[in-house]
Amino acid sequence: MKKYIINDTDVFHAASYPMEADELRVIRNILSTHACGNKGEMVISFAKDHSLKNDWIQNCAVLANVITSRDFKIANLELLFESCRDQKTFRRSLENYISDSLQ
């Protein structure tokens, strides 16, 4: 289900998506105690496809459990990824924002 209308030339700006930016701030706080270096990739993968690479699960088991738990709230990011599945420019800018935020 697409919640957002995203055009081919649109890019992600956090100010335009305050609920998603707030959700990411909460995620950053939750994940700040975890040392795994793949936080951004893991959150992006799970928000986009509800999947994690086996390497991540094996090497960052605690973090993988946190990300896949029902307590980990990413509904707004999931809807945003669903809405931009075919808009590569927007999707890449969203992925970059998430990765940068979780470094």
PDB file of N, CA and C in Angstrom:
ATOM      1  N   MET A   1       0.838  -1.174   0.000  1.00  0.00           N
ATOM      2  CA  MET A   1       0.000   0.000   0.000  1.00  0.00           C
ATOM      3  C   MET A   1       0.890   1.248   0.000  1.00  0.00           C
ATOM      4  N   LYS A   2       0.711   2.080  -0.993  1.00  0.00           N
ATOM      5  CA  LYS A   2       1.490   3.314  -1.073  1.00  0.00           C
ATOM      6  C   LYS A   2       0.783   4.421  -0.301  1.00  0.00           C
ATOM      7  N   LYS A   3       1.514   5.014   0.613  1.00  0.00           N
ATOM      8  CA  LYS A   3       0.965   6.092   1.434  1.00  0.00           C
ATOM      9  C   LYS A   3       1.365   7.457   0.881  1.00  0.00           C
ATOM     10  N   TYR A   4       2.476   7.503   0.174  1.00  0.00           N
ATOM     11  CA  TYR A   4       3.040   8.761  -0.298  1.00  0.00           C
ATOM     12  C   TYR A   4       3.065   8.786  -1.819  1.00  0.00           C
ATOM     13  N   ILE A   5       2.910   9.966  -2.382  1.00  0.00           N
ATOM     14  CA  ILE A   5       3.073  10.152  -3.817  1.00  0.00           C
ATOM     15  C   ILE A   5       4.451  10.762  -4.017  1.00  0.00           C
ATOM     16  N   ILE A   6       5.319   9.998  -4.666  1.00  0.00           N
ATOM     17  CA  ILE A   6       6.703  10.425  -4.866  1.00  0.00           C
ATOM     18  C   ILE A   6       6.977  10.441  -6.364  1.00  0.00           C
ATOM     19  N   ASN A   7       7.451  11.560  -6.850  1.00  0.00           N
ATOM     20  CA  ASN A   7       7.748  11.710  -8.273  1.00  0.00           C
ATOM     21  C   ASN A   7       9.168  11.251  -8.577  1.00  0.00           C
ATOM     22  N   ASP A   8       9.424  11.010  -9.846  1.00  0.00           N
ATOM     23  CA  ASP A   8      10.724  10.489 -10.279  1.00  0.00           C
ATOM     24  C   ASP A   8      11.896  11.377  -9.891  1.00  0.00           C
ATOM     25  N   THR A   9      11.694  12.665  -9.830  1.00  0.00           N
ATOM     26  CA  THR A   9      12.803  13.584  -9.544  1.00  0.00           C
ATOM     27  C   THR A   9      12.891  13.995  -8.077  1.00  0.00           C
ATOM     28  N   ASP A  10      11.987  13.520  -7.250  1.00  0.00           N
ATOM     29  CA  ASP A  10      11.996  13.883  -5.826  1.00  0.00           C
ATOM     30  C   ASP A  10      13.197  13.272  -5.111  1.00  0.00           C
ATOM     31  N   VAL A  11      13.665  13.974  -4.094  1.00  0.00           N
ATOM     32  CA  VAL A  11      14.706  13.458  -3.206  1.00  0.00           C
ATOM     33  C   VAL A  11      14.201  13.564  -1.772  1.00  0.00           C
ATOM     34  N   PHE A  12      14.772  12.759  -0.895  1.00  0.00           N
ATOM     35  CA  PHE A  12      14.348  12.754   0.495  1.00  0.00           C
ATOM     36  C   PHE A  12      14.935  13.946   1.231  1.00  0.00           C
ATOM     37  N   HIS A  13      14.077  14.672   1.935  1.00  0.00           N
ATOM     38  CA  HIS A  13      14.472  15.748   2.849  1.00  0.00           C
ATOM     39  C   HIS A  13      13.761  15.471   4.163  1.00  0.00           C
ATOM     40  N   ALA A  14      14.509  15.319   5.225  1.00  0.00           N
ATOM     41  CA  ALA A  14      13.931  14.959   6.523  1.00  0.00           C
ATOM     42  C   ALA A  14      12.839  15.933   6.954  1.00  0.00           C
ATOM     43  N   ALA A  15      13.001  17.205   6.650  1.00  0.00           N
ATOM     44  CA  ALA A  15      12.009  18.204   7.056  1.00  0.00           C
ATOM     45  C   ALA A  15      10.645  17.957   6.407  1.00  0.00           C
ATOM     46  N   SER A  16      10.639  17.301   5.263  1.00  0.00           N
ATOM     47  CA  SER A  16       9.386  16.998   4.572  1.00  0.00           C
ATOM     48  C   SER A  16       8.713  15.737   5.100  1.00  0.00           C
ATOM     49  N   TYR A  17       9.433  14.976   5.889  1.00  0.00           N
ATOM     50  CA  TYR A  17       8.927  13.705   6.423  1.00  0.00           C
ATOM     51  C   TYR A  17       9.213  13.637   7.923  1.00  0.00           C
ATOM     52  N   PRO A  18       8.555  14.485   8.717  1.00  0.00           N
ATOM     53  CA  PRO A  18       8.882  14.565  10.148  1.00  0.00           C
ATOM     54  C   PRO A  18       8.618  13.280  10.927  1.00  0.00           C
ATOM     55  N   MET A  19       7.569  12.540  10.581  1.00  0.00           N
ATOM     56  CA  MET A  19       7.299  11.294  11.317  1.00  0.00           C
ATOM     57  C   MET A  19       8.403  10.272  11.085  1.00  0.00           C
ATOM     58  N   GLU A  20       8.882  10.206   9.856  1.00  0.00           N
ATOM     59  CA  GLU A  20       9.941   9.265   9.524  1.00  0.00           C
ATOM     60  C   GLU A  20      11.258   9.695  10.163  1.00  0.00           C
ATOM     61  N   ALA A  21      11.526  10.992  10.161  1.00  0.00           N
ATOM     62  CA  ALA A  21      12.743  11.502  10.799  1.00  0.00           C
ATOM     63  C   ALA A  21      12.707  11.243  12.303  1.00  0.00           C
ATOM     64  N   ASP A  22      11.541  11.430  12.923  1.00  0.00           N
ATOM     65  CA  ASP A  22      11.401  11.130  14.357  1.00  0.00           C
ATOM     66  C   ASP A  22      11.598   9.646  14.626  1.00  0.00           C
ATOM     67  N   GLU A  23      11.020   8.822  13.770  1.00  0.00           N
ATOM     68  CA  GLU A  23      11.180   7.378  13.911  1.00  0.00           C
ATOM     69  C   GLU A  23      12.656   7.000  13.834  1.00  0.00           C
ATOM     70  N   LEU A  24      13.372   7.615  12.922  1.00  0.00           N
ATOM     71  CA  LEU A  24      14.796   7.329  12.773  1.00  0.00           C
ATOM     72  C   LEU A  24      15.597   7.812  13.979  1.00  0.00           C
ATOM     73  N   ARG A  25      15.208   8.920  14.582  1.00  0.00           N
ATOM     74  CA  ARG A  25      15.886   9.387  15.799  1.00  0.00           C
ATOM     75  C   ARG A  25      15.720   8.374  16.934  1.00  0.00           C
ATOM     76  N   VAL A  26      14.533   7.827  17.067  1.00  0.00           N
ATOM     77  CA  VAL A  26      14.293   6.798  18.087  1.00  0.00           C
ATOM     78  C   VAL A  26      15.141   5.568  17.787  1.00  0.00           C
ATOM     79  N   ILE A  27      15.185   5.170  16.524  1.00  0.00           N
ATOM     80  CA  ILE A  27      15.993   4.015  16.115  1.00  0.00           C
ATOM     81  C   ILE A  27      17.461   4.267  16.444  1.00  0.00           C
ATOM     82  N   ARG A  28      17.943   5.463  16.124  1.00  0.00           N
ATOM     83  CA  ARG A  28      19.347   5.796  16.406  1.00  0.00           C
ATOM     84  C   ARG A  28      19.638   5.667  17.897  1.00  0.00           C
ATOM     85  N   ASN A  29      18.734   6.133  18.741  1.00  0.00           N
ATOM     86  CA  ASN A  29      18.921   6.018  20.192  1.00  0.00           C
ATOM     87  C   ASN A  29      18.933   4.564  20.641  1.00  0.00           C
ATOM     88  N   ILE A  30      18.044   3.762  20.097  1.00  0.00           N
ATOM     89  CA  ILE A  30      17.985   2.344  20.456  1.00  0.00           C
ATOM     90  C   ILE A  30      19.268   1.631  20.044  1.00  0.00           C
ATOM     91  N   LEU A  31      19.760   1.942  18.848  1.00  0.00           N
ATOM     92  CA  LEU A  31      20.918   1.226  18.303  1.00  0.00           C
ATOM     93  C   LEU A  31      22.255   1.808  18.742  1.00  0.00           C
ATOM     94  N   SER A  32      22.240   2.921  19.444  1.00  0.00           N
ATOM     95  CA  SER A  32      23.492   3.592  19.812  1.00  0.00           C
ATOM     96  C   SER A  32      24.387   2.738  20.706  1.00  0.00           C
ATOM     97  N   THR A  33      23.829   1.804  21.417  1.00  0.00           N
ATOM     98  CA  THR A  33      24.626   0.962  22.314  1.00  0.00           C
ATOM     99  C   THR A  33      25.206  -0.262  21.615  1.00  0.00           C
ATOM    100  N   HIS A  34      24.864  -0.449  20.353  1.00  0.00           N
ATOM    101  CA  HIS A  34      25.343  -1.619  19.612  1.00  0.00           C
ATOM    102  C   HIS A  34      26.542  -1.236  18.750  1.00  0.00           C
ATOM    103  N   ALA A  35      27.574  -2.057  18.790  1.00  0.00           N
ATOM    104  CA  ALA A  35      28.829  -1.740  18.106  1.00  0.00           C
ATOM    105  C   ALA A  35      28.888  -2.219  16.661  1.00  0.00           C
ATOM    106  N   CYS A  36      27.943  -2.964  16.212  1.00  0.00           N
ATOM    107  CA  CYS A  36      27.964  -3.519  14.859  1.00  0.00           C
ATOM    108  C   CYS A  36      28.031  -2.392  13.829  1.00  0.00           C
ATOM    109  N   GLY A  37      28.862  -2.559  12.828  1.00  0.00           N
ATOM    110  CA  GLY A  37      29.070  -1.516  11.836  1.00  0.00           C
ATOM    111  C   GLY A  37      28.066  -1.477  10.704  1.00  0.00           C
ATOM    112  N   ASN A  38      27.137  -2.408  10.665  1.00  0.00           N
ATOM    113  CA  ASN A  38      26.183  -2.481   9.559  1.00  0.00           C
ATOM    114  C   ASN A  38      24.796  -1.974   9.932  1.00  0.00           C
ATOM    115  N   LYS A  39      24.694  -1.129  10.921  1.00  0.00           N
ATOM    116  CA  LYS A  39      23.381  -0.692  11.414  1.00  0.00           C
ATOM    117  C   LYS A  39      22.511  -0.119  10.301  1.00  0.00           C
ATOM    118  N   GLY A  40      23.070   0.807   9.541  1.00  0.00           N
ATOM    119  CA  GLY A  40      22.297   1.444   8.479  1.00  0.00           C
ATOM    120  C   GLY A  40      21.815   0.454   7.448  1.00  0.00           C
ATOM    121  N   GLU A  41      22.709  -0.390   6.973  1.00  0.00           N
ATOM    122  CA  GLU A  41      22.339  -1.393   5.978  1.00  0.00           C
ATOM    123  C   GLU A  41      21.280  -2.346   6.508  1.00  0.00           C
ATOM    124  N   MET A  42      21.412  -2.712   7.770  1.00  0.00           N
ATOM    125  CA  MET A  42      20.460  -3.647   8.364  1.00  0.00           C
ATOM    126  C   MET A  42      19.076  -3.014   8.487  1.00  0.00           C
ATOM    127  N   VAL A  43      19.010  -1.783   8.946  1.00  0.00           N
ATOM    128  CA  VAL A  43      17.720  -1.098   9.080  1.00  0.00           C
ATOM    129  C   VAL A  43      17.089  -0.896   7.706  1.00  0.00           C
ATOM    130  N   ILE A  44      17.879  -0.475   6.735  1.00  0.00           N
ATOM    131  CA  ILE A  44      17.370  -0.275   5.376  1.00  0.00           C
ATOM    132  C   ILE A  44      16.822  -1.581   4.818  1.00  0.00           C
ATOM    133  N   SER A  45      17.576  -2.642   4.922  1.00  0.00           N
ATOM    134  CA  SER A  45      17.151  -3.936   4.396  1.00  0.00           C
ATOM    135  C   SER A  45      15.861  -4.413   5.049  1.00  0.00           C
ATOM    136  N   PHE A  46      15.785  -4.260   6.364  1.00  0.00           N
ATOM    137  CA  PHE A  46      14.590  -4.723   7.061  1.00  0.00           C
ATOM    138  C   PHE A  46      13.385  -3.837   6.745  1.00  0.00           C
ATOM    139  N   ALA A  47      13.585  -2.529   6.644  1.00  0.00           N
ATOM    140  CA  ALA A  47      12.475  -1.626   6.325  1.00  0.00           C
ATOM    141  C   ALA A  47      11.976  -1.834   4.896  1.00  0.00           C
ATOM    142  N   LYS A  48      12.888  -2.132   3.972  1.00  0.00           N
ATOM    143  CA  LYS A  48      12.512  -2.327   2.571  1.00  0.00           C
ATOM    144  C   LYS A  48      11.872  -3.685   2.325  1.00  0.00           C
ATOM    145  N   ASP A  49      12.491  -4.731   2.855  1.00  0.00           N
ATOM    146  CA  ASP A  49      12.117  -6.088   2.450  1.00  0.00           C
ATOM    147  C   ASP A  49      11.842  -7.054   3.594  1.00  0.00           C
ATOM    148  N   HIS A  50      11.910  -6.579   4.826  1.00  0.00           N
ATOM    149  CA  HIS A  50      11.763  -7.465   6.006  1.00  0.00           C
ATOM    150  C   HIS A  50      12.738  -8.629   5.944  1.00  0.00           C
ATOM    151  N   SER A  51      13.960  -8.326   5.544  1.00  0.00           N
ATOM    152  CA  SER A  51      14.973  -9.376   5.482  1.00  0.00           C
ATOM    153  C   SER A  51      16.327  -8.831   5.930  1.00  0.00           C
ATOM    154  N   LEU A  52      17.151  -9.747   6.417  1.00  0.00           N
ATOM    155  CA  LEU A  52      18.525  -9.435   6.804  1.00  0.00           C
ATOM    156  C   LEU A  52      19.429 -10.503   6.218  1.00  0.00           C
ATOM    157  N   LYS A  53      20.633 -10.111   5.833  1.00  0.00           N
ATOM    158  CA  LYS A  53      21.604 -11.081   5.321  1.00  0.00           C
ATOM    159  C   LYS A  53      22.013 -12.038   6.431  1.00  0.00           C
ATOM    160  N   ASN A  54      22.275 -13.275   6.052  1.00  0.00           N
ATOM    161  CA  ASN A  54      22.710 -14.278   7.035  1.00  0.00           C
ATOM    162  C   ASN A  54      23.975 -13.848   7.767  1.00  0.00           C
ATOM    163  N   ASP A  55      24.903 -13.203   7.056  1.00  0.00           N
ATOM    164  CA  ASP A  55      26.139 -12.722   7.694  1.00  0.00           C
ATOM    165  C   ASP A  55      25.832 -11.755   8.827  1.00  0.00           C
ATOM    166  N   TRP A  56      24.876 -10.861   8.603  1.00  0.00           N
ATOM    167  CA  TRP A  56      24.506  -9.905   9.646  1.00  0.00           C
ATOM    168  C   TRP A  56      23.913 -10.625  10.847  1.00  0.00           C
ATOM    169  N   ILE A  57      23.063 -11.591  10.580  1.00  0.00           N
ATOM    170  CA  ILE A  57      22.413 -12.329  11.669  1.00  0.00           C
ATOM    171  C   ILE A  57      23.452 -13.076  12.490  1.00  0.00           C
ATOM    172  N   GLN A  58      24.434 -13.656  11.821  1.00  0.00           N
ATOM    173  CA  GLN A  58      25.475 -14.413  12.525  1.00  0.00           C
ATOM    174  C   GLN A  58      26.455 -13.494  13.248  1.00  0.00           C
ATOM    175  N   ASN A  59      26.877 -12.422  12.599  1.00  0.00           N
ATOM    176  CA  ASN A  59      27.911 -11.553  13.166  1.00  0.00           C
ATOM    177  C   ASN A  59      27.374 -10.475  14.103  1.00  0.00           C
ATOM    178  N   CYS A  60      26.117 -10.158  13.984  1.00  0.00           N
ATOM    179  CA  CYS A  60      25.493  -9.110  14.811  1.00  0.00           C
ATOM    180  C   CYS A  60      24.161  -9.631  15.346  1.00  0.00           C
ATOM    181  N   ALA A  61      24.200 -10.777  15.987  1.00  0.00           N
ATOM    182  CA  ALA A  61      22.972 -11.464  16.406  1.00  0.00           C
ATOM    183  C   ALA A  61      22.098 -10.611  17.317  1.00  0.00           C
ATOM    184  N   VAL A  62      22.704  -9.939  18.274  1.00  0.00           N
ATOM    185  CA  VAL A  62      21.914  -9.123  19.206  1.00  0.00           C
ATOM    186  C   VAL A  62      21.230  -7.983  18.454  1.00  0.00           C
ATOM    187  N   LEU A  63      21.979  -7.316  17.590  1.00  0.00           N
ATOM    188  CA  LEU A  63      21.413  -6.224  16.802  1.00  0.00           C
ATOM    189  C   LEU A  63      20.312  -6.741  15.873  1.00  0.00           C
ATOM    190  N   ALA A  64      20.532  -7.878  15.242  1.00  0.00           N
ATOM    191  CA  ALA A  64      19.515  -8.474  14.370  1.00  0.00           C
ATOM    192  C   ALA A  64      18.239  -8.769  15.150  1.00  0.00           C
ATOM    193  N   ASN A  65      18.386  -9.258  16.366  1.00  0.00           N
ATOM    194  CA  ASN A  65      17.212  -9.529  17.203  1.00  0.00           C
ATOM    195  C   ASN A  65      16.466  -8.248  17.555  1.00  0.00           C
ATOM    196  N   VAL A  66      17.203  -7.188  17.820  1.00  0.00           N
ATOM    197  CA  VAL A  66      16.571  -5.897  18.134  1.00  0.00           C
ATOM    198  C   VAL A  66      15.783  -5.401  16.921  1.00  0.00           C
ATOM    199  N   ILE A  67      16.416  -5.419  15.758  1.00  0.00           N
ATOM    200  CA  ILE A  67      15.787  -4.894  14.542  1.00  0.00           C
ATOM    201  C   ILE A  67      14.549  -5.695  14.156  1.00  0.00           C
ATOM    202  N   THR A  68      14.572  -6.989  14.352  1.00  0.00           N
ATOM    203  CA  THR A  68      13.444  -7.826  13.942  1.00  0.00           C
ATOM    204  C   THR A  68      12.385  -7.999  15.025  1.00  0.00           C
ATOM    205  N   SER A  69      12.596  -7.412  16.184  1.00  0.00           N
ATOM    206  CA  SER A  69      11.613  -7.552  17.263  1.00  0.00           C
ATOM    207  C   SER A  69      10.383  -6.684  16.991  1.00  0.00           C
ATOM    208  N   ARG A  70       9.283  -7.057  17.568  1.00  0.00           N
ATOM    209  CA  ARG A  70       8.040  -6.288  17.411  1.00  0.00           C
ATOM    210  C   ARG A  70       8.125  -4.931  18.108  1.00  0.00           C
ATOM    211  N   ASP A  71       9.068  -4.775  19.003  1.00  0.00           N
ATOM    212  CA  ASP A  71       9.236  -3.507  19.713  1.00  0.00           C
ATOM    213  C   ASP A  71       9.963  -2.458  18.871  1.00  0.00           C
ATOM    214  N   PHE A  72      10.574  -2.876  17.782  1.00  0.00           N
ATOM    215  CA  PHE A  72      11.331  -1.992  16.898  1.00  0.00           C
ATOM    216  C   PHE A  72      10.348  -1.384  15.896  1.00  0.00           C
ATOM    217  N   LYS A  73       9.998  -0.139  16.094  1.00  0.00           N
ATOM    218  CA  LYS A  73       8.943   0.519  15.317  1.00  0.00           C
ATOM    219  C   LYS A  73       9.509   1.217  14.083  1.00  0.00           C
ATOM    220  N   ILE A  74       9.180   0.666  12.904  1.00  0.00           N
ATOM    221  CA  ILE A  74       9.643   1.254  11.646  1.00  0.00           C
ATOM    222  C   ILE A  74       8.512   1.363  10.624  1.00  0.00           C
ATOM    223  N   ALA A  75       7.281   1.398  11.074  1.00  0.00           N
ATOM    224  CA  ALA A  75       6.132   1.392  10.162  1.00  0.00           C
ATOM    225  C   ALA A  75       6.167   2.549   9.167  1.00  0.00           C
ATOM    226  N   ASN A  76       6.530   3.738   9.628  1.00  0.00           N
ATOM    227  CA  ASN A  76       6.565   4.888   8.717  1.00  0.00           C
ATOM    228  C   ASN A  76       7.658   4.740   7.669  1.00  0.00           C
ATOM    229  N   LEU A  77       8.822   4.259   8.076  1.00  0.00           N
ATOM    230  CA  LEU A  77       9.898   4.028   7.104  1.00  0.00           C
ATOM    231  C   LEU A  77       9.510   2.930   6.120  1.00  0.00           C
ATOM    232  N   GLU A  78       8.842   1.892   6.601  1.00  0.00           N
ATOM    233  CA  GLU A  78       8.387   0.823   5.707  1.00  0.00           C
ATOM    234  C   GLU A  78       7.445   1.371   4.640  1.00  0.00           C
ATOM    235  N   LEU A  79       6.487   2.191   5.057  1.00  0.00           N
ATOM    236  CA  LEU A  79       5.549   2.779   4.100  1.00  0.00           C
ATOM    237  C   LEU A  79       6.256   3.703   3.116  1.00  0.00           C
ATOM    238  N   LEU A  80       7.231   4.443   3.588  1.00  0.00           N
ATOM    239  CA  LEU A  80       7.976   5.333   2.703  1.00  0.00           C
ATOM    240  C   LEU A  80       8.775   4.527   1.678  1.00  0.00           C
ATOM    241  N   PHE A  81       9.418   3.454   2.120  1.00  0.00           N
ATOM    242  CA  PHE A  81      10.145   2.600   1.169  1.00  0.00           C
ATOM    243  C   PHE A  81       9.194   1.958   0.166  1.00  0.00           C
ATOM    244  N   GLU A  82       8.038   1.522   0.614  1.00  0.00           N
ATOM    245  CA  GLU A  82       7.060   0.936  -0.304  1.00  0.00           C
ATOM    246  C   GLU A  82       6.632   1.959  -1.350  1.00  0.00           C
ATOM    247  N   SER A  83       6.450   3.179  -0.933  1.00  0.00           N
ATOM    248  CA  SER A  83       6.002   4.232  -1.840  1.00  0.00           C
ATOM    249  C   SER A  83       7.070   4.664  -2.834  1.00  0.00           C
ATOM    250  N   CYS A  84       8.328   4.466  -2.506  1.00  0.00           N
ATOM    251  CA  CYS A  84       9.405   4.922  -3.406  1.00  0.00           C
ATOM    252  C   CYS A  84      10.129   3.761  -4.082  1.00  0.00           C
ATOM    253  N   ARG A  85       9.533   2.590  -4.059  1.00  0.00           N
ATOM    254  CA  ARG A  85      10.177   1.399  -4.624  1.00  0.00           C
ATOM    255  C   ARG A  85      10.642   1.626  -6.068  1.00  0.00           C
ATOM    256  N   ASP A  86       9.875   2.359  -6.853  1.00  0.00           N
ATOM    257  CA  ASP A  86      10.217   2.575  -8.262  1.00  0.00           C
ATOM    258  C   ASP A  86      10.890   3.922  -8.528  1.00  0.00           C
ATOM    259  N   GLN A  87      11.106   4.723  -7.492  1.00  0.00           N
ATOM    260  CA  GLN A  87      11.747   6.030  -7.644  1.00  0.00           C
ATOM    261  C   GLN A  87      13.175   5.948  -7.090  1.00  0.00           C
ATOM    262  N   LYS A  88      14.103   5.595  -7.966  1.00  0.00           N
ATOM    263  CA  LYS A  88      15.478   5.325  -7.537  1.00  0.00           C
ATOM    264  C   LYS A  88      16.155   6.525  -6.884  1.00  0.00           C
ATOM    265  N   THR A  89      15.948   7.698  -7.422  1.00  0.00           N
ATOM    266  CA  THR A  89      16.607   8.888  -6.877  1.00  0.00           C
ATOM    267  C   THR A  89      16.169   9.128  -5.441  1.00  0.00           C
ATOM    268  N   PHE A  90      14.876   9.080  -5.206  1.00  0.00           N
ATOM    269  CA  PHE A  90      14.354   9.290  -3.855  1.00  0.00           C
ATOM    270  C   PHE A  90      14.826   8.176  -2.924  1.00  0.00           C
ATOM    271  N   ARG A  91      14.716   6.947  -3.391  1.00  0.00           N
ATOM    272  CA  ARG A  91      15.099   5.800  -2.557  1.00  0.00           C
ATOM    273  C   ARG A  91      16.566   5.881  -2.148  1.00  0.00           C
ATOM    274  N   ARG A  92      17.435   6.219  -3.087  1.00  0.00           N
ATOM    275  CA  ARG A  92      18.863   6.346  -2.759  1.00  0.00           C
ATOM    276  C   ARG A  92      19.105   7.459  -1.749  1.00  0.00           C
ATOM    277  N   SER A  93      18.422   8.576  -1.908  1.00  0.00           N
ATOM    278  CA  SER A  93      18.620   9.681  -0.961  1.00  0.00           C
ATOM    279  C   SER A  93      18.090   9.309   0.421  1.00  0.00           C
ATOM    280  N   LEU A  94      17.009   8.549   0.486  1.00  0.00           N
ATOM    281  CA  LEU A  94      16.491   8.059   1.766  1.00  0.00           C
ATOM    282  C   LEU A  94      17.474   7.077   2.394  1.00  0.00           C
ATOM    283  N   GLU A  95      17.990   6.156   1.600  1.00  0.00           N
ATOM    284  CA  GLU A  95      18.974   5.187   2.102  1.00  0.00           C
ATOM    285  C   GLU A  95      20.224   5.897   2.613  1.00  0.00           C
ATOM    286  N   ASN A  96      20.693   6.892   1.883  1.00  0.00           N
ATOM    287  CA  ASN A  96      21.874   7.647   2.319  1.00  0.00           C
ATOM    288  C   ASN A  96      21.605   8.370   3.631  1.00  0.00           C
ATOM    289  N   TYR A  97      20.426   8.944   3.765  1.00  0.00           N
ATOM    290  CA  TYR A  97      20.067   9.644   5.004  1.00  0.00           C
ATOM    291  C   TYR A  97      20.058   8.676   6.186  1.00  0.00           C
ATOM    292  N   ILE A  98      19.471   7.516   5.996  1.00  0.00           N
ATOM    293  CA  ILE A  98      19.428   6.517   7.071  1.00  0.00           C
ATOM    294  C   ILE A  98      20.838   6.070   7.427  1.00  0.00           C
ATOM    295  N   SER A  99      21.633   5.740   6.425  1.00  0.00           N
ATOM    296  CA  SER A  99      23.015   5.295   6.676  1.00  0.00           C
ATOM    297  C   SER A  99      23.814   6.357   7.416  1.00  0.00           C
ATOM    298  N   ASP A 100      23.718   7.595   6.964  1.00  0.00           N
ATOM    299  CA  ASP A 100      24.448   8.691   7.618  1.00  0.00           C
ATOM    300  C   ASP A 100      23.972   8.894   9.053  1.00  0.00           C
ATOM    301  N   SER A 101      22.683   8.754   9.279  1.00  0.00           N
ATOM    302  CA  SER A 101      22.117   8.959  10.617  1.00  0.00           C
ATOM    303  C   SER A 101      22.540   7.886  11.606  1.00  0.00           C
ATOM    304  N   LEU A 102      22.838   6.698  11.111  1.00  0.00           N
ATOM    305  CA  LEU A 102      23.136   5.574  12.002  1.00  0.00           C
ATOM    306  C   LEU A 102      24.617   5.244  12.099  1.00  0.00           C
ATOM    307  N   GLN A 103      25.474   6.102  11.589  1.00  0.00           N
ATOM    308  CA  GLN A 103      26.923   5.859  11.683  1.00  0.00           C
ATOM    309  C   GLN A 103      27.401   6.043  13.094  1.00  0.00           C
TER     310      GLN A 103
END
